[in-house]
Amino acid sequence: MASNRRGKLKENFEGIHRNLDWVIYHCQKSLDLIQGDNPQLSEAIESLGKGVKTLDECAQGLYATL
C-alpha cells in the first residue's frame, strides 16, 4: 500500500482500470449471449463498451502522467 499521495493516486487509477476492464468484459459476454437476436440491444451494448473503453484510455493516460 502506498504511503504518499502519488502512490495512492496510482493505486486509485489502477483500480479504475481494473473495474473498467470488468465492464468491458461483461459487455462482451452480454453480446455473446444475445448473438445478434436483438440488434438494438446489441448496438446499445456495443456503444456502452466503446464509451467505457474511452474512459479506460483516459484513466490509463492519467495514470501514465503520475
PDB file of N, CA and C in Angstrom:
ATOM      1  N   MET A   1       0.846  -1.179   0.000  1.00  0.00           N
ATOM      2  CA  MET A   1       0.000   0.000   0.000  1.00  0.00           C
ATOM      3  C   MET A   1       0.888   1.237   0.000  1.00  0.00           C
ATOM      4  N   ALA A   2       0.556   2.170  -0.836  1.00  0.00           N
ATOM      5  CA  ALA A   2       1.351   3.381  -0.981  1.00  0.00           C
ATOM      6  C   ALA A   2       1.155   4.307   0.216  1.00  0.00           C
ATOM      7  N   SER A   3       2.207   5.031   0.527  1.00  0.00           N
ATOM      8  CA  SER A   3       2.117   5.932   1.674  1.00  0.00           C
ATOM      9  C   SER A   3       2.107   7.405   1.265  1.00  0.00           C
ATOM     10  N   ASN A   4       2.447   7.683   0.007  1.00  0.00           N
ATOM     11  CA  ASN A   4       2.438   9.084  -0.409  1.00  0.00           C
ATOM     12  C   ASN A   4       1.290   9.345  -1.385  1.00  0.00           C
ATOM     13  N   ARG A   5       1.051  10.603  -1.663  1.00  0.00           N
ATOM     14  CA  ARG A   5      -0.079  10.999  -2.491  1.00  0.00           C
ATOM     15  C   ARG A   5       0.012  10.404  -3.897  1.00  0.00           C
ATOM     16  N   ARG A   6       1.198  10.472  -4.508  1.00  0.00           N
ATOM     17  CA  ARG A   6       1.372   9.956  -5.865  1.00  0.00           C
ATOM     18  C   ARG A   6       1.071   8.458  -5.914  1.00  0.00           C
ATOM     19  N   GLY A   7       1.587   7.723  -4.954  1.00  0.00           N
ATOM     20  CA  GLY A   7       1.358   6.281  -4.909  1.00  0.00           C
ATOM     21  C   GLY A   7      -0.110   5.943  -4.720  1.00  0.00           C
ATOM     22  N   LYS A   8      -0.775   6.702  -3.863  1.00  0.00           N
ATOM     23  CA  LYS A   8      -2.203   6.467  -3.635  1.00  0.00           C
ATOM     24  C   LYS A   8      -3.020   6.776  -4.889  1.00  0.00           C
ATOM     25  N   LEU A   9      -2.644   7.839  -5.588  1.00  0.00           N
ATOM     26  CA  LEU A   9      -3.334   8.169  -6.831  1.00  0.00           C
ATOM     27  C   LEU A   9      -3.140   7.052  -7.858  1.00  0.00           C
ATOM     28  N   LYS A  10      -1.915   6.541  -7.959  1.00  0.00           N
ATOM     29  CA  LYS A  10      -1.652   5.459  -8.906  1.00  0.00           C
ATOM     30  C   LYS A  10      -2.494   4.227  -8.560  1.00  0.00           C
ATOM     31  N   GLU A  11      -2.590   3.920  -7.276  1.00  0.00           N
ATOM     32  CA  GLU A  11      -3.426   2.788  -6.850  1.00  0.00           C
ATOM     33  C   GLU A  11      -4.878   3.009  -7.243  1.00  0.00           C
ATOM     34  N   ASN A  12      -5.370   4.216  -7.060  1.00  0.00           N
ATOM     35  CA  ASN A  12      -6.757   4.523  -7.424  1.00  0.00           C
ATOM     36  C   ASN A  12      -6.990   4.332  -8.916  1.00  0.00           C
ATOM     37  N   PHE A  13      -6.067   4.809  -9.730  1.00  0.00           N
ATOM     38  CA  PHE A  13      -6.238   4.678 -11.177  1.00  0.00           C
ATOM     39  C   PHE A  13      -6.067   3.237 -11.644  1.00  0.00           C
ATOM     40  N   GLU A  14      -5.241   2.463 -10.941  1.00  0.00           N
ATOM     41  CA  GLU A  14      -5.165   1.033 -11.246  1.00  0.00           C
ATOM     42  C   GLU A  14      -6.516   0.376 -10.980  1.00  0.00           C
ATOM     43  N   GLY A  15      -7.151   0.773  -9.874  1.00  0.00           N
ATOM     44  CA  GLY A  15      -8.474   0.241  -9.540  1.00  0.00           C
ATOM     45  C   GLY A  15      -9.516   0.629 -10.572  1.00  0.00           C
ATOM     46  N   ILE A  16      -9.465   1.864 -11.030  1.00  0.00           N
ATOM     47  CA  ILE A  16     -10.394   2.310 -12.070  1.00  0.00           C
ATOM     48  C   ILE A  16     -10.209   1.458 -13.317  1.00  0.00           C
ATOM     49  N   HIS A  17      -8.962   1.243 -13.703  1.00  0.00           N
ATOM     50  CA  HIS A  17      -8.673   0.436 -14.891  1.00  0.00           C
ATOM     51  C   HIS A  17      -9.214  -0.988 -14.738  1.00  0.00           C
ATOM     52  N   ARG A  18      -8.968  -1.600 -13.591  1.00  0.00           N
ATOM     53  CA  ARG A  18      -9.465  -2.973 -13.368  1.00  0.00           C
ATOM     54  C   ARG A  18     -10.991  -3.024 -13.448  1.00  0.00           C
ATOM     55  N   ASN A  19     -11.644  -2.059 -12.849  1.00  0.00           N
ATOM     56  CA  ASN A  19     -13.104  -2.044 -12.874  1.00  0.00           C
ATOM     57  C   ASN A  19     -13.639  -1.836 -14.285  1.00  0.00           C
ATOM     58  N   LEU A  20     -13.025  -0.938 -15.035  1.00  0.00           N
ATOM     59  CA  LEU A  20     -13.479  -0.701 -16.396  1.00  0.00           C
ATOM     60  C   LEU A  20     -13.209  -1.911 -17.280  1.00  0.00           C
ATOM     61  N   ASP A  21     -12.116  -2.624 -17.010  1.00  0.00           N
ATOM     62  CA  ASP A  21     -11.862  -3.878 -17.734  1.00  0.00           C
ATOM     63  C   ASP A  21     -13.005  -4.865 -17.516  1.00  0.00           C
ATOM     64  N   TRP A  22     -13.502  -4.922 -16.285  1.00  0.00           N
ATOM     65  CA  TRP A  22     -14.618  -5.837 -15.997  1.00  0.00           C
ATOM     66  C   TRP A  22     -15.883  -5.408 -16.727  1.00  0.00           C
ATOM     67  N   VAL A  23     -16.126  -4.125 -16.809  1.00  0.00           N
ATOM     68  CA  VAL A  23     -17.307  -3.635 -17.535  1.00  0.00           C
ATOM     69  C   VAL A  23     -17.208  -4.047 -19.003  1.00  0.00           C
ATOM     70  N   ILE A  24     -16.037  -3.850 -19.599  1.00  0.00           N
ATOM     71  CA  ILE A  24     -15.833  -4.237 -20.999  1.00  0.00           C
ATOM     72  C   ILE A  24     -16.022  -5.742 -21.161  1.00  0.00           C
ATOM     73  N   TYR A  25     -15.488  -6.507 -20.225  1.00  0.00           N
ATOM     74  CA  TYR A  25     -15.628  -7.970 -20.259  1.00  0.00           C
ATOM     75  C   TYR A  25     -17.110  -8.374 -20.231  1.00  0.00           C
ATOM     76  N   HIS A  26     -17.874  -7.751 -19.334  1.00  0.00           N
ATOM     77  CA  HIS A  26     -19.287  -8.108 -19.205  1.00  0.00           C
ATOM     78  C   HIS A  26     -20.108  -7.625 -20.404  1.00  0.00           C
ATOM     79  N   CYS A  27     -19.720  -6.536 -21.006  1.00  0.00           N
ATOM     80  CA  CYS A  27     -20.379  -6.105 -22.239  1.00  0.00           C
ATOM     81  C   CYS A  27     -20.185  -7.162 -23.323  1.00  0.00           C
ATOM     82  N   GLN A  28     -18.956  -7.657 -23.450  1.00  0.00           N
ATOM     83  CA  GLN A  28     -18.682  -8.675 -24.456  1.00  0.00           C
ATOM     84  C   GLN A  28     -19.457  -9.959 -24.170  1.00  0.00           C
ATOM     85  N   LYS A  29     -19.511 -10.361 -22.908  1.00  0.00           N
ATOM     86  CA  LYS A  29     -20.269 -11.561 -22.538  1.00  0.00           C
ATOM     87  C   LYS A  29     -21.751 -11.376 -22.855  1.00  0.00           C
ATOM     88  N   SER A  30     -22.270 -10.176 -22.643  1.00  0.00           N
ATOM     89  CA  SER A  30     -23.670  -9.902 -22.952  1.00  0.00           C
ATOM     90  C   SER A  30     -23.918  -9.995 -24.450  1.00  0.00           C
ATOM     91  N   LEU A  31     -22.992  -9.461 -25.235  1.00  0.00           N
ATOM     92  CA  LEU A  31     -23.125  -9.568 -26.695  1.00  0.00           C
ATOM     93  C   LEU A  31     -23.090 -11.024 -27.142  1.00  0.00           C
ATOM     94  N   ASP A  32     -22.253 -11.824 -26.489  1.00  0.00           N
ATOM     95  CA  ASP A  32     -22.198 -13.252 -26.813  1.00  0.00           C
ATOM     96  C   ASP A  32     -23.531 -13.937 -26.512  1.00  0.00           C
ATOM     97  N   LEU A  33     -24.177 -13.540 -25.425  1.00  0.00           N
ATOM     98  CA  LEU A  33     -25.470 -14.133 -25.054  1.00  0.00           C
ATOM     99  C   LEU A  33     -26.570 -13.738 -26.040  1.00  0.00           C
ATOM    100  N   ILE A  34     -26.544 -12.497 -26.480  1.00  0.00           N
ATOM    101  CA  ILE A  34     -27.578 -12.002 -27.399  1.00  0.00           C
ATOM    102  C   ILE A  34     -27.410 -12.621 -28.782  1.00  0.00           C
ATOM    103  N   GLN A  35     -26.168 -12.754 -29.224  1.00  0.00           N
ATOM    104  CA  GLN A  35     -25.844 -13.340 -30.525  1.00  0.00           C
ATOM    105  C   GLN A  35     -26.639 -12.708 -31.668  1.00  0.00           C
ATOM    106  N   GLY A  36     -26.820 -11.413 -31.633  1.00  0.00           N
ATOM    107  CA  GLY A  36     -27.485 -10.721 -32.734  1.00  0.00           C
ATOM    108  C   GLY A  36     -28.995 -10.864 -32.768  1.00  0.00           C
ATOM    109  N   ASP A  37     -29.602 -11.499 -31.767  1.00  0.00           N
ATOM    110  CA  ASP A  37     -31.058 -11.675 -31.752  1.00  0.00           C
ATOM    111  C   ASP A  37     -31.808 -10.361 -31.571  1.00  0.00           C
ATOM    112  N   ASN A  38     -31.168  -9.411 -30.940  1.00  0.00           N
ATOM    113  CA  ASN A  38     -31.805  -8.118 -30.686  1.00  0.00           C
ATOM    114  C   ASN A  38     -30.830  -7.021 -31.138  1.00  0.00           C
ATOM    115  N   PRO A  39     -30.915  -6.592 -32.387  1.00  0.00           N
ATOM    116  CA  PRO A  39     -29.950  -5.634 -32.930  1.00  0.00           C
ATOM    117  C   PRO A  39     -29.863  -4.318 -32.147  1.00  0.00           C
ATOM    118  N   GLN A  40     -30.998  -3.820 -31.659  1.00  0.00           N
ATOM    119  CA  GLN A  40     -30.971  -2.558 -30.922  1.00  0.00           C
ATOM    120  C   GLN A  40     -30.220  -2.713 -29.601  1.00  0.00           C
ATOM    121  N   LEU A  41     -30.460  -3.809 -28.916  1.00  0.00           N
ATOM    122  CA  LEU A  41     -29.760  -4.056 -27.660  1.00  0.00           C
ATOM    123  C   LEU A  41     -28.275  -4.285 -27.910  1.00  0.00           C
ATOM    124  N   SER A  42     -27.963  -5.015 -28.971  1.00  0.00           N
ATOM    125  CA  SER A  42     -26.556  -5.240 -29.324  1.00  0.00           C
ATOM    126  C   SER A  42     -25.851  -3.916 -29.593  1.00  0.00           C
ATOM    127  N   GLU A  43     -26.516  -3.040 -30.328  1.00  0.00           N
ATOM    128  CA  GLU A  43     -25.930  -1.735 -30.641  1.00  0.00           C
ATOM    129  C   GLU A  43     -25.724  -0.914 -29.367  1.00  0.00           C
ATOM    130  N   ALA A  44     -26.687  -0.963 -28.462  1.00  0.00           N
ATOM    131  CA  ALA A  44     -26.574  -0.217 -27.209  1.00  0.00           C
ATOM    132  C   ALA A  44     -25.415  -0.745 -26.366  1.00  0.00           C
ATOM    133  N   ILE A  45     -25.269  -2.061 -26.298  1.00  0.00           N
ATOM    134  CA  ILE A  45     -24.180  -2.646 -25.517  1.00  0.00           C
ATOM    135  C   ILE A  45     -22.831  -2.334 -26.156  1.00  0.00           C
ATOM    136  N   GLU A  46     -22.767  -2.380 -27.481  1.00  0.00           N
ATOM    137  CA  GLU A  46     -21.528  -2.018 -28.177  1.00  0.00           C
ATOM    138  C   GLU A  46     -21.156  -0.564 -27.894  1.00  0.00           C
ATOM    139  N   SER A  47     -22.139   0.320 -27.902  1.00  0.00           N
ATOM    140  CA  SER A  47     -21.895   1.732 -27.611  1.00  0.00           C
ATOM    141  C   SER A  47     -21.404   1.912 -26.178  1.00  0.00           C
ATOM    142  N   LEU A  48     -22.003   1.196 -25.266  1.00  0.00           N
ATOM    143  CA  LEU A  48     -21.565   1.245 -23.871  1.00  0.00           C
ATOM    144  C   LEU A  48     -20.119   0.783 -23.766  1.00  0.00           C
ATOM    145  N   GLY A  49     -19.796  -0.317 -24.419  1.00  0.00           N
ATOM    146  CA  GLY A  49     -18.427  -0.831 -24.393  1.00  0.00           C
ATOM    147  C   GLY A  49     -17.431   0.163 -24.961  1.00  0.00           C
ATOM    148  N   LYS A  50     -17.796   0.817 -26.059  1.00  0.00           N
ATOM    149  CA  LYS A  50     -16.906   1.813 -26.664  1.00  0.00           C
ATOM    150  C   LYS A  50     -16.699   3.002 -25.732  1.00  0.00           C
ATOM    151  N   GLY A  51     -17.780   3.438 -25.089  1.00  0.00           N
ATOM    152  CA  GLY A  51     -17.669   4.551 -24.150  1.00  0.00           C
ATOM    153  C   GLY A  51     -16.788   4.209 -22.963  1.00  0.00           C
ATOM    154  N   VAL A  52     -16.955   3.015 -22.447  1.00  0.00           N
ATOM    155  CA  VAL A  52     -16.143   2.571 -21.314  1.00  0.00           C
ATOM    156  C   VAL A  52     -14.676   2.426 -21.731  1.00  0.00           C
ATOM    157  N   LYS A  53     -14.456   1.940 -22.948  1.00  0.00           N
ATOM    158  CA  LYS A  53     -13.084   1.824 -23.451  1.00  0.00           C
ATOM    159  C   LYS A  53     -12.430   3.201 -23.523  1.00  0.00           C
ATOM    160  N   THR A  54     -13.179   4.203 -23.947  1.00  0.00           N
ATOM    161  CA  THR A  54     -12.657   5.570 -23.994  1.00  0.00           C
ATOM    162  C   THR A  54     -12.314   6.072 -22.596  1.00  0.00           C
ATOM    163  N   LEU A  55     -13.201   5.813 -21.642  1.00  0.00           N
ATOM    164  CA  LEU A  55     -12.919   6.202 -20.251  1.00  0.00           C
ATOM    165  C   LEU A  55     -11.674   5.495 -19.733  1.00  0.00           C
ATOM    166  N   ASP A  56     -11.530   4.218 -20.073  1.00  0.00           N
ATOM    167  CA  ASP A  56     -10.365   3.455 -19.633  1.00  0.00           C
ATOM    168  C   ASP A  56      -9.086   4.040 -20.218  1.00  0.00           C
ATOM    169  N   GLU A  57      -9.127   4.417 -21.484  1.00  0.00           N
ATOM    170  CA  GLU A  57      -7.956   5.032 -22.112  1.00  0.00           C
ATOM    171  C   GLU A  57      -7.599   6.360 -21.432  1.00  0.00           C
ATOM    172  N   CYS A  58      -8.601   7.121 -21.045  1.00  0.00           N
ATOM    173  CA  CYS A  58      -8.360   8.376 -20.319  1.00  0.00           C
ATOM    174  C   CYS A  58      -7.715   8.092 -18.972  1.00  0.00           C
ATOM    175  N   ALA A  59      -8.246   7.111 -18.256  1.00  0.00           N
ATOM    176  CA  ALA A  59      -7.702   6.751 -16.949  1.00  0.00           C
ATOM    177  C   ALA A  59      -6.256   6.268 -17.082  1.00  0.00           C
ATOM    178  N   GLN A  60      -5.980   5.474 -18.107  1.00  0.00           N
ATOM    179  CA  GLN A  60      -4.617   4.994 -18.328  1.00  0.00           C
ATOM    180  C   GLN A  60      -3.681   6.152 -18.666  1.00  0.00           C
ATOM    181  N   GLY A  61      -4.179   7.108 -19.430  1.00  0.00           N
ATOM    182  CA  GLY A  61      -3.377   8.293 -19.744  1.00  0.00           C
ATOM    183  C   GLY A  61      -3.041   9.104 -18.503  1.00  0.00           C
ATOM    184  N   LEU A  62      -4.028   9.263 -17.632  1.00  0.00           N
ATOM    185  CA  LEU A  62      -3.774   9.973 -16.373  1.00  0.00           C
ATOM    186  C   LEU A  62      -2.781   9.211 -15.507  1.00  0.00           C
ATOM    187  N   TYR A  63      -2.948   7.905 -15.460  1.00  0.00           N
ATOM    188  CA  TYR A  63      -2.037   7.059 -14.686  1.00  0.00           C
ATOM    189  C   TYR A  63      -0.603   7.231 -15.181  1.00  0.00           C
ATOM    190  N   ALA A  64      -0.443   7.271 -16.511  1.00  0.00           N
ATOM    191  CA  ALA A  64       0.892   7.381 -17.099  1.00  0.00           C
ATOM    192  C   ALA A  64       1.560   8.705 -16.760  1.00  0.00           C
ATOM    193  N   THR A  65       0.761   9.741 -16.482  1.00  0.00           N
ATOM    194  CA  THR A  65       1.351  11.035 -16.163  1.00  0.00           C
ATOM    195  C   THR A  65       1.737  11.165 -14.694  1.00  0.00           C
ATOM    196  N   LEU A  66       1.295  10.240 -13.870  1.00  0.00           N
ATOM    197  CA  LEU A  66       1.622  10.321 -12.431  1.00  0.00           C
ATOM    198  C   LEU A  66       3.021   9.848 -12.151  1.00  0.00           C
TER     199      LEU A  66
END
